Amino acid sequence: MDPDDQDPILRSALALRRTLWLGEIELYQDHLSISGWRWSGAVWRPIPIADIRRVEKWPATHRGHNFVIRPTETRDYYCRVEEGVFFWVKEFRDDDRTELTIQH
């Protein structure tokens, strides 16, 4: 899962519950990646699609979380996809490998 191997299917600016500057989420054929900067330096977290048990789209308040990624083995990622969240919903709705839950 090298970020330079392929072009992403989808890319958006991202904010996490924890501090992440210049955050970005990218969707690839076999994984998604979360990248950005923290006090400790650069961050790149690949998450294989096969390891994601569920994705949730939440109604977002101003600056609140609107997207939750729930991997099978690791902690959940509470995110705010800054633009195009419904493109992400469509991608996960069309993908049989993960479960999508939309909360209203």
N, C-alpha and C. Protein backbone atom coordinates (compact mmCIF):
# COMPACT_ATOMS: atom_id res chain seq x y z
N MET A 1 0.83 -1.19 0.00
CA MET A 1 0.00 0.00 0.00
C MET A 1 0.87 1.25 0.00
N ASP A 2 1.55 1.47 -1.05
CA ASP A 2 2.38 2.65 -1.21
C ASP A 2 1.53 3.74 -1.84
N PRO A 3 1.50 4.95 -1.26
CA PRO A 3 0.62 6.00 -1.79
C PRO A 3 0.95 6.42 -3.21
N ASP A 4 2.15 6.10 -3.71
CA ASP A 4 2.52 6.52 -5.05
C ASP A 4 2.22 5.48 -6.12
N ASP A 5 1.70 4.30 -5.73
CA ASP A 5 1.45 3.23 -6.68
C ASP A 5 0.28 3.49 -7.62
N GLN A 6 -0.72 4.23 -7.16
CA GLN A 6 -1.93 4.42 -7.95
C GLN A 6 -2.56 5.77 -7.62
N ASP A 7 -3.42 6.22 -8.51
CA ASP A 7 -4.15 7.47 -8.27
C ASP A 7 -5.38 7.16 -7.42
N PRO A 8 -5.75 8.06 -6.51
CA PRO A 8 -6.93 7.81 -5.69
C PRO A 8 -8.21 7.94 -6.51
N ILE A 9 -9.20 7.17 -6.12
CA ILE A 9 -10.53 7.25 -6.70
C ILE A 9 -11.23 8.52 -6.22
N LEU A 10 -10.96 8.87 -4.97
CA LEU A 10 -11.62 10.00 -4.33
C LEU A 10 -10.64 10.60 -3.32
N ARG A 11 -10.68 11.93 -3.16
CA ARG A 11 -9.79 12.63 -2.23
C ARG A 11 -10.55 13.81 -1.64
N SER A 12 -10.42 13.99 -0.31
CA SER A 12 -11.08 15.13 0.35
C SER A 12 -10.22 15.61 1.51
N ALA A 13 -10.39 16.90 1.84
CA ALA A 13 -9.79 17.43 3.06
C ALA A 13 -10.48 16.78 4.25
N LEU A 14 -9.73 16.62 5.34
CA LEU A 14 -10.22 15.85 6.47
C LEU A 14 -9.79 16.48 7.79
N ALA A 15 -10.69 16.43 8.76
CA ALA A 15 -10.36 16.78 10.14
C ALA A 15 -10.71 15.57 11.00
N LEU A 16 -9.89 15.30 12.00
CA LEU A 16 -10.15 14.19 12.92
C LEU A 16 -10.48 14.75 14.30
N ARG A 17 -10.97 13.87 15.16
CA ARG A 17 -11.24 14.26 16.54
C ARG A 17 -9.94 14.73 17.20
N ARG A 18 -8.84 14.04 16.91
CA ARG A 18 -7.53 14.43 17.41
C ARG A 18 -6.91 15.42 16.43
N THR A 19 -5.94 16.19 16.91
CA THR A 19 -5.31 17.21 16.07
C THR A 19 -4.65 16.59 14.85
N LEU A 20 -5.01 17.09 13.68
CA LEU A 20 -4.39 16.69 12.42
C LEU A 20 -4.44 17.90 11.50
N TRP A 21 -3.27 18.44 11.18
CA TRP A 21 -3.21 19.60 10.30
C TRP A 21 -3.08 19.14 8.86
N LEU A 22 -3.68 19.90 7.96
CA LEU A 22 -3.65 19.60 6.53
C LEU A 22 -4.06 18.15 6.27
N GLY A 23 -5.08 17.71 6.98
CA GLY A 23 -5.55 16.33 6.86
C GLY A 23 -6.19 16.06 5.52
N GLU A 24 -6.03 14.82 5.08
CA GLU A 24 -6.59 14.40 3.80
C GLU A 24 -6.96 12.92 3.89
N ILE A 25 -8.07 12.58 3.28
CA ILE A 25 -8.48 11.19 3.18
C ILE A 25 -8.55 10.85 1.70
N GLU A 26 -8.01 9.69 1.33
CA GLU A 26 -7.99 9.25 -0.06
C GLU A 26 -8.49 7.82 -0.14
N LEU A 27 -9.30 7.56 -1.14
CA LEU A 27 -9.83 6.23 -1.38
C LEU A 27 -9.15 5.63 -2.59
N TYR A 28 -8.62 4.43 -2.41
CA TYR A 28 -8.01 3.66 -3.49
C TYR A 28 -8.81 2.39 -3.69
N GLN A 29 -8.47 1.61 -4.68
CA GLN A 29 -9.21 0.38 -4.99
C GLN A 29 -9.22 -0.59 -3.80
N ASP A 30 -8.09 -0.72 -3.10
CA ASP A 30 -7.99 -1.72 -2.04
C ASP A 30 -7.83 -1.17 -0.64
N HIS A 31 -7.72 0.15 -0.49
CA HIS A 31 -7.57 0.76 0.83
C HIS A 31 -7.95 2.23 0.81
N LEU A 32 -8.08 2.79 1.99
CA LEU A 32 -8.16 4.24 2.08
C LEU A 32 -7.01 4.68 2.96
N SER A 33 -6.62 5.92 2.81
CA SER A 33 -5.51 6.42 3.62
C SER A 33 -5.90 7.75 4.24
N ILE A 34 -5.41 7.94 5.45
CA ILE A 34 -5.56 9.19 6.18
C ILE A 34 -4.16 9.75 6.35
N SER A 35 -3.98 11.00 5.94
CA SER A 35 -2.65 11.61 6.05
C SER A 35 -2.78 13.04 6.53
N GLY A 36 -1.68 13.57 7.02
CA GLY A 36 -1.64 14.94 7.51
C GLY A 36 -0.43 15.11 8.40
N TRP A 37 -0.52 16.09 9.30
CA TRP A 37 0.60 16.41 10.19
C TRP A 37 0.10 16.50 11.62
N ARG A 38 0.91 16.01 12.55
CA ARG A 38 0.70 16.16 14.00
C ARG A 38 1.95 16.76 14.59
N TRP A 39 1.92 17.04 15.89
CA TRP A 39 3.09 17.59 16.56
C TRP A 39 4.32 16.71 16.35
N SER A 40 4.10 15.39 16.25
CA SER A 40 5.22 14.45 16.12
C SER A 40 5.73 14.32 14.69
N GLY A 41 5.05 14.92 13.71
CA GLY A 41 5.50 14.86 12.33
C GLY A 41 4.41 14.38 11.39
N ALA A 42 4.85 13.90 10.24
CA ALA A 42 3.91 13.45 9.20
C ALA A 42 3.19 12.18 9.63
N VAL A 43 1.93 12.07 9.19
CA VAL A 43 1.09 10.90 9.49
C VAL A 43 0.60 10.34 8.18
N TRP A 44 0.67 9.01 8.02
CA TRP A 44 0.05 8.32 6.90
C TRP A 44 -0.47 7.00 7.42
N ARG A 45 -1.79 6.85 7.45
CA ARG A 45 -2.41 5.65 7.97
C ARG A 45 -3.21 4.96 6.86
N PRO A 46 -2.68 3.87 6.30
CA PRO A 46 -3.46 3.11 5.32
C PRO A 46 -4.41 2.17 6.05
N ILE A 47 -5.62 2.04 5.56
CA ILE A 47 -6.61 1.14 6.14
C ILE A 47 -7.15 0.27 5.00
N PRO A 48 -6.80 -1.02 4.97
CA PRO A 48 -7.32 -1.89 3.91
C PRO A 48 -8.85 -1.93 3.94
N ILE A 49 -9.47 -1.87 2.79
CA ILE A 49 -10.94 -1.93 2.70
C ILE A 49 -11.45 -3.21 3.36
N ALA A 50 -10.73 -4.30 3.20
CA ALA A 50 -11.14 -5.58 3.79
C ALA A 50 -11.18 -5.52 5.32
N ASP A 51 -10.45 -4.58 5.92
CA ASP A 51 -10.41 -4.45 7.38
C ASP A 51 -11.45 -3.48 7.93
N ILE A 52 -12.24 -2.87 7.07
CA ILE A 52 -13.27 -1.92 7.51
C ILE A 52 -14.59 -2.66 7.63
N ARG A 53 -15.11 -2.72 8.86
CA ARG A 53 -16.37 -3.45 9.05
C ARG A 53 -17.58 -2.57 8.77
N ARG A 54 -17.45 -1.26 9.04
CA ARG A 54 -18.60 -0.38 8.80
C ARG A 54 -18.12 1.06 8.64
N VAL A 55 -18.86 1.80 7.82
CA VAL A 55 -18.67 3.24 7.66
C VAL A 55 -20.01 3.89 7.98
N GLU A 56 -19.97 4.97 8.74
CA GLU A 56 -21.20 5.66 9.12
C GLU A 56 -21.15 7.11 8.67
N LYS A 57 -22.23 7.56 8.07
CA LYS A 57 -22.41 8.97 7.71
C LYS A 57 -23.34 9.57 8.75
N TRP A 58 -22.86 10.55 9.48
CA TRP A 58 -23.64 11.22 10.52
C TRP A 58 -24.08 12.59 10.04
N PRO A 59 -25.23 13.08 10.54
CA PRO A 59 -25.57 14.48 10.27
C PRO A 59 -24.58 15.35 11.04
N ALA A 60 -24.03 16.33 10.40
CA ALA A 60 -22.97 17.12 11.02
C ALA A 60 -23.46 18.49 11.43
N THR A 61 -23.09 18.86 12.62
CA THR A 61 -23.27 20.23 13.04
C THR A 61 -22.04 20.99 12.57
N HIS A 62 -22.05 22.29 12.74
CA HIS A 62 -20.91 23.09 12.31
C HIS A 62 -19.64 22.57 12.98
N ARG A 63 -18.69 22.12 12.19
CA ARG A 63 -17.39 21.62 12.64
C ARG A 63 -17.48 20.29 13.41
N GLY A 64 -18.62 19.60 13.34
CA GLY A 64 -18.76 18.31 14.00
C GLY A 64 -18.34 17.17 13.09
N HIS A 65 -18.31 15.97 13.63
CA HIS A 65 -17.94 14.79 12.85
C HIS A 65 -19.10 14.40 11.95
N ASN A 66 -18.80 14.02 10.71
CA ASN A 66 -19.85 13.60 9.79
C ASN A 66 -19.57 12.24 9.17
N PHE A 67 -18.48 11.60 9.57
CA PHE A 67 -18.08 10.34 8.93
C PHE A 67 -17.29 9.53 9.96
N VAL A 68 -17.69 8.29 10.16
CA VAL A 68 -16.98 7.42 11.10
C VAL A 68 -16.54 6.17 10.35
N ILE A 69 -15.27 5.84 10.48
CA ILE A 69 -14.72 4.64 9.88
C ILE A 69 -14.45 3.66 11.01
N ARG A 70 -15.04 2.48 10.93
CA ARG A 70 -14.93 1.49 12.01
C ARG A 70 -14.18 0.25 11.50
N PRO A 71 -12.85 0.24 11.67
CA PRO A 71 -12.08 -0.94 11.28
C PRO A 71 -12.37 -2.12 12.21
N THR A 72 -12.07 -3.31 11.76
CA THR A 72 -12.32 -4.52 12.53
C THR A 72 -11.43 -4.60 13.76
N GLU A 73 -10.15 -4.34 13.60
CA GLU A 73 -9.19 -4.60 14.67
C GLU A 73 -8.67 -3.36 15.40
N THR A 74 -8.81 -2.17 14.83
CA THR A 74 -8.21 -0.99 15.45
C THR A 74 -9.30 -0.01 15.89
N ARG A 75 -8.86 1.09 16.46
CA ARG A 75 -9.81 2.08 16.97
C ARG A 75 -10.59 2.73 15.82
N ASP A 76 -11.73 3.30 16.16
CA ASP A 76 -12.57 3.99 15.18
C ASP A 76 -11.97 5.35 14.86
N TYR A 77 -12.23 5.82 13.64
CA TYR A 77 -11.79 7.14 13.20
C TYR A 77 -13.01 8.03 13.07
N TYR A 78 -13.12 9.03 13.95
CA TYR A 78 -14.20 10.00 13.90
C TYR A 78 -13.70 11.17 13.08
N CYS A 79 -14.32 11.39 11.93
CA CYS A 79 -13.79 12.33 10.94
C CYS A 79 -14.81 13.40 10.58
N ARG A 80 -14.29 14.45 10.02
CA ARG A 80 -15.11 15.42 9.31
C ARG A 80 -14.55 15.53 7.91
N VAL A 81 -15.28 14.97 6.96
CA VAL A 81 -14.90 15.11 5.56
C VAL A 81 -15.36 16.51 5.15
N GLU A 82 -14.41 17.35 4.80
CA GLU A 82 -14.68 18.77 4.61
C GLU A 82 -15.49 19.09 3.35
N GLU A 83 -15.33 18.29 2.32
CA GLU A 83 -16.10 18.53 1.11
C GLU A 83 -16.42 17.21 0.42
N GLY A 84 -17.58 17.13 -0.16
CA GLY A 84 -17.94 15.95 -0.94
C GLY A 84 -18.26 14.71 -0.14
N VAL A 85 -18.80 14.86 1.07
CA VAL A 85 -19.08 13.67 1.89
C VAL A 85 -20.05 12.72 1.19
N PHE A 86 -20.96 13.24 0.38
CA PHE A 86 -21.91 12.36 -0.28
C PHE A 86 -21.27 11.56 -1.42
N PHE A 87 -20.14 12.03 -1.96
CA PHE A 87 -19.38 11.20 -2.91
C PHE A 87 -18.80 9.99 -2.18
N TRP A 88 -18.37 10.21 -0.93
CA TRP A 88 -17.86 9.10 -0.12
C TRP A 88 -18.98 8.11 0.20
N VAL A 89 -20.15 8.63 0.53
CA VAL A 89 -21.30 7.77 0.81
C VAL A 89 -21.61 6.91 -0.41
N LYS A 90 -21.62 7.52 -1.60
CA LYS A 90 -21.90 6.76 -2.82
C LYS A 90 -20.86 5.66 -3.04
N GLU A 91 -19.59 5.97 -2.86
CA GLU A 91 -18.54 4.97 -3.07
C GLU A 91 -18.71 3.78 -2.13
N PHE A 92 -19.01 4.04 -0.87
CA PHE A 92 -19.18 2.94 0.08
C PHE A 92 -20.51 2.23 -0.10
N ARG A 93 -21.53 2.93 -0.55
CA ARG A 93 -22.81 2.28 -0.84
C ARG A 93 -22.67 1.30 -2.00
N ASP A 94 -21.87 1.67 -2.99
CA ASP A 94 -21.69 0.82 -4.17
C ASP A 94 -20.69 -0.32 -3.95
N ASP A 95 -19.99 -0.32 -2.82
CA ASP A 95 -18.96 -1.32 -2.54
C ASP A 95 -19.50 -2.37 -1.58
N ASP A 96 -19.55 -3.62 -2.02
CA ASP A 96 -20.11 -4.71 -1.20
C ASP A 96 -19.17 -5.17 -0.09
N ARG A 97 -17.96 -4.66 -0.04
CA ARG A 97 -17.00 -5.13 0.96
C ARG A 97 -17.22 -4.53 2.34
N THR A 98 -17.94 -3.43 2.44
CA THR A 98 -18.18 -2.79 3.73
C THR A 98 -19.65 -2.49 3.90
N GLU A 99 -20.04 -2.29 5.15
CA GLU A 99 -21.41 -1.90 5.47
C GLU A 99 -21.46 -0.40 5.65
N LEU A 100 -22.48 0.24 5.10
CA LEU A 100 -22.67 1.69 5.22
C LEU A 100 -23.92 1.94 6.02
N THR A 101 -23.83 2.80 7.04
CA THR A 101 -24.97 3.22 7.81
C THR A 101 -25.08 4.74 7.68
N ILE A 102 -26.29 5.21 7.34
CA ILE A 102 -26.53 6.65 7.24
C ILE A 102 -27.48 7.04 8.35
N GLN A 103 -27.04 7.93 9.22
CA GLN A 103 -27.89 8.43 10.30
C GLN A 103 -28.46 9.77 9.89
N HIS A 104 -29.72 9.97 10.20
CA HIS A 104 -30.40 11.23 9.83
C HIS A 104 -30.64 12.08 11.03
